[in-house]
Every structure is written in structure tokens, then in C-alpha cells.
C-alpha atoms as a PDB file:
ATOM      1  CA  MET A   1     -63.634 187.562 -10.577  1.00  0.00           C
ATOM      2  CA  LYS A   2     -66.484 188.191  -7.856  1.00  0.00           C
ATOM      3  CA  GLN A   3     -68.960 191.152  -7.993  1.00  0.00           C
ATOM      4  CA  PRO A   4     -67.835 194.021  -5.768  1.00  0.00           C
ATOM      5  CA  LYS A   5     -69.612 194.777  -2.113  1.00  0.00           C
ATOM      6  CA  LYS A   6     -70.373 197.858  -0.370  1.00  0.00           C
ATOM      7  CA  LEU A   7     -67.757 198.302   2.594  1.00  0.00           C
ATOM      8  CA  THR A   8     -68.732 197.915   6.329  1.00  0.00           C
ATOM      9  CA  ARG A   9     -67.713 200.770   8.750  1.00  0.00           C
ATOM     10  CA  GLU A  10     -64.949 198.486  10.051  1.00  0.00           C
ATOM     11  CA  GLN A  11     -63.697 198.097   6.332  1.00  0.00           C
ATOM     12  CA  LYS A  12     -63.992 201.794   5.739  1.00  0.00           C
ATOM     13  CA  GLU A  13     -61.822 202.881   8.935  1.00  0.00           C
ATOM     14  CA  ILE A  14     -58.994 200.389   7.374  1.00  0.00           C
ATOM     15  CA  LEU A  15     -59.121 201.984   4.128  1.00  0.00           C
ATOM     16  CA  SER A  16     -58.958 205.619   5.908  1.00  0.00           C
ATOM     17  CA  ASN A  17     -56.070 204.203   7.724  1.00  0.00           C
ATOM     18  CA  HIS A  18     -54.299 203.627   4.353  1.00  0.00           C
ATOM     19  CA  PHE A  19     -55.429 207.133   3.225  1.00  0.00           C
ATOM     20  CA  MET A  20     -57.765 206.193   0.810  1.00  0.00           C
ATOM     21  CA  SER A  21     -61.181 207.279  -0.240  1.00  0.00           C
ATOM     22  CA  THR A  22     -63.993 205.052   0.470  1.00  0.00           C
ATOM     23  CA  LYS A  23     -66.169 206.353  -2.095  1.00  0.00           C
ATOM     24  CA  GLU A  24     -63.580 205.258  -4.637  1.00  0.00           C
ATOM     25  CA  TRP A  25     -62.977 201.828  -3.411  1.00  0.00           C
ATOM     26  CA  SER A  26     -65.110 198.526  -3.111  1.00  0.00           C
ATOM     27  CA  LEU A  27     -64.512 195.362  -1.569  1.00  0.00           C
ATOM     28  CA  ILE A  28     -63.793 192.335  -3.739  1.00  0.00           C
ATOM     29  CA  GLU A  29     -62.735 189.818  -0.909  1.00  0.00           C
ATOM     30  CA  ASP A  30     -62.061 189.732   2.895  1.00  0.00           C
ATOM     31  CA  LEU A  31     -58.980 187.383   3.075  1.00  0.00           C
ATOM     32  CA  GLY A  32     -58.861 187.171   7.019  1.00  0.00           C
ATOM     33  CA  SER A  33     -56.039 189.665   7.911  1.00  0.00           C
ATOM     34  CA  TYR A  34     -56.105 191.290   4.498  1.00  0.00           C
ATOM     35  CA  LEU A  35     -58.797 193.204   2.449  1.00  0.00           C
ATOM     36  CA  LYS A  36     -58.741 192.892  -1.177  1.00  0.00           C
ATOM     37  CA  VAL A  37     -60.390 196.122  -2.709  1.00  0.00           C
ATOM     38  CA  ILE A  38     -61.025 197.611  -6.376  1.00  0.00           C
ATOM     39  CA  ASN A  39     -61.174 200.995  -7.505  1.00  0.00           C
ATOM     40  CA  ARG A  40     -64.479 201.889  -8.908  1.00  0.00           C
ATOM     41  CA  GLU A  41     -63.216 204.078 -11.622  1.00  0.00           C
ATOM     42  CA  THR A  42     -59.925 202.197 -12.725  1.00  0.00           C
ATOM     43  CA  GLY A  43     -60.505 199.035 -11.978  1.00  0.00           C
ATOM     44  CA  LYS A  44     -57.258 198.691 -10.206  1.00  0.00           C
ATOM     45  CA  ILE A  45     -56.931 196.151  -7.421  1.00  0.00           C
ATOM     46  CA  LYS A  46     -55.067 196.556  -4.173  1.00  0.00           C
ATOM     47  CA  ILE A  47     -54.610 194.118  -1.089  1.00  0.00           C
ATOM     48  CA  LEU A  48     -54.545 196.016   2.377  1.00  0.00           C
ATOM     49  CA  ASP A  49     -53.191 194.861   5.593  1.00  0.00           C
ATOM     50  CA  LYS A  50     -56.188 195.023   8.419  1.00  0.00           C
ATOM     51  CA  LYS A  51     -53.493 195.378  11.168  1.00  0.00           C
ATOM     52  CA  SER A  52     -51.472 198.350  10.023  1.00  0.00           C
ATOM     53  CA  ILE A  53     -51.588 201.371  12.144  1.00  0.00           C
ATOM     54  CA  THR A  54     -51.377 205.119  11.273  1.00  0.00           C
ATOM     55  CA  ILE A  55     -49.719 208.186  13.018  1.00  0.00           C
ATOM     56  CA  SER A  56     -53.122 209.252  14.002  1.00  0.00           C
ATOM     57  CA  THR A  57     -53.960 205.971  15.823  1.00  0.00           C
ATOM     58  CA  VAL A  58     -50.561 205.990  17.656  1.00  0.00           C
ATOM     59  CA  VAL A  59     -51.157 209.926  18.689  1.00  0.00           C
ATOM     60  CA  PHE A  60     -54.671 208.994  19.883  1.00  0.00           C
ATOM     61  CA  ALA A  61     -53.351 206.091  21.987  1.00  0.00           C
ATOM     62  CA  VAL A  62     -50.683 208.115  23.385  1.00  0.00           C
ATOM     63  CA  ALA A  63     -53.070 211.003  24.422  1.00  0.00           C
ATOM     64  CA  ASN A  64     -55.156 208.575  26.349  1.00  0.00           C
ATOM     65  CA  ILE A  65     -52.163 207.106  28.386  1.00  0.00           C
ATOM     66  CA  ILE A  66     -50.994 210.718  29.070  1.00  0.00           C
ATOM     67  CA  ARG A  67     -54.413 211.686  30.448  1.00  0.00           C
END
């Protein structure tokens, strides 16, 4: 397995979109449209979709359109 790396700002935003703490996770691999991350304490691995959006992203976009 590759050595975990620090997250970039964009990757931190993707983790927060998935309601995950950026302090608890490190990057293993950038798979194009997915991120493979590992929990620093438990070693659990997750694969996250980069293109998923959250309700807060949608609300922000709608608020800008209404203005």
C-alpha cells in the first residue's frame, strides 16, 4: 500500500462535502473522479466520489440565482 499523503484544499472540500473530518483522514490515491482515503486512527479505507454534491452546495447555488 502507498504511504498516505496530506490532503490539498480541494480534497479537503470533497471530504467535508461527505461530512468527514479532514483531520482524521489522509489521501492514499487520487483515482481521477474518485479519492481513496484512509482513516489515520482505525486504518479504514473509503473511496469518495469527487462529483457528489451536498445540500449546502445546492442551497448556495440557488441563493445566487435568486439574487
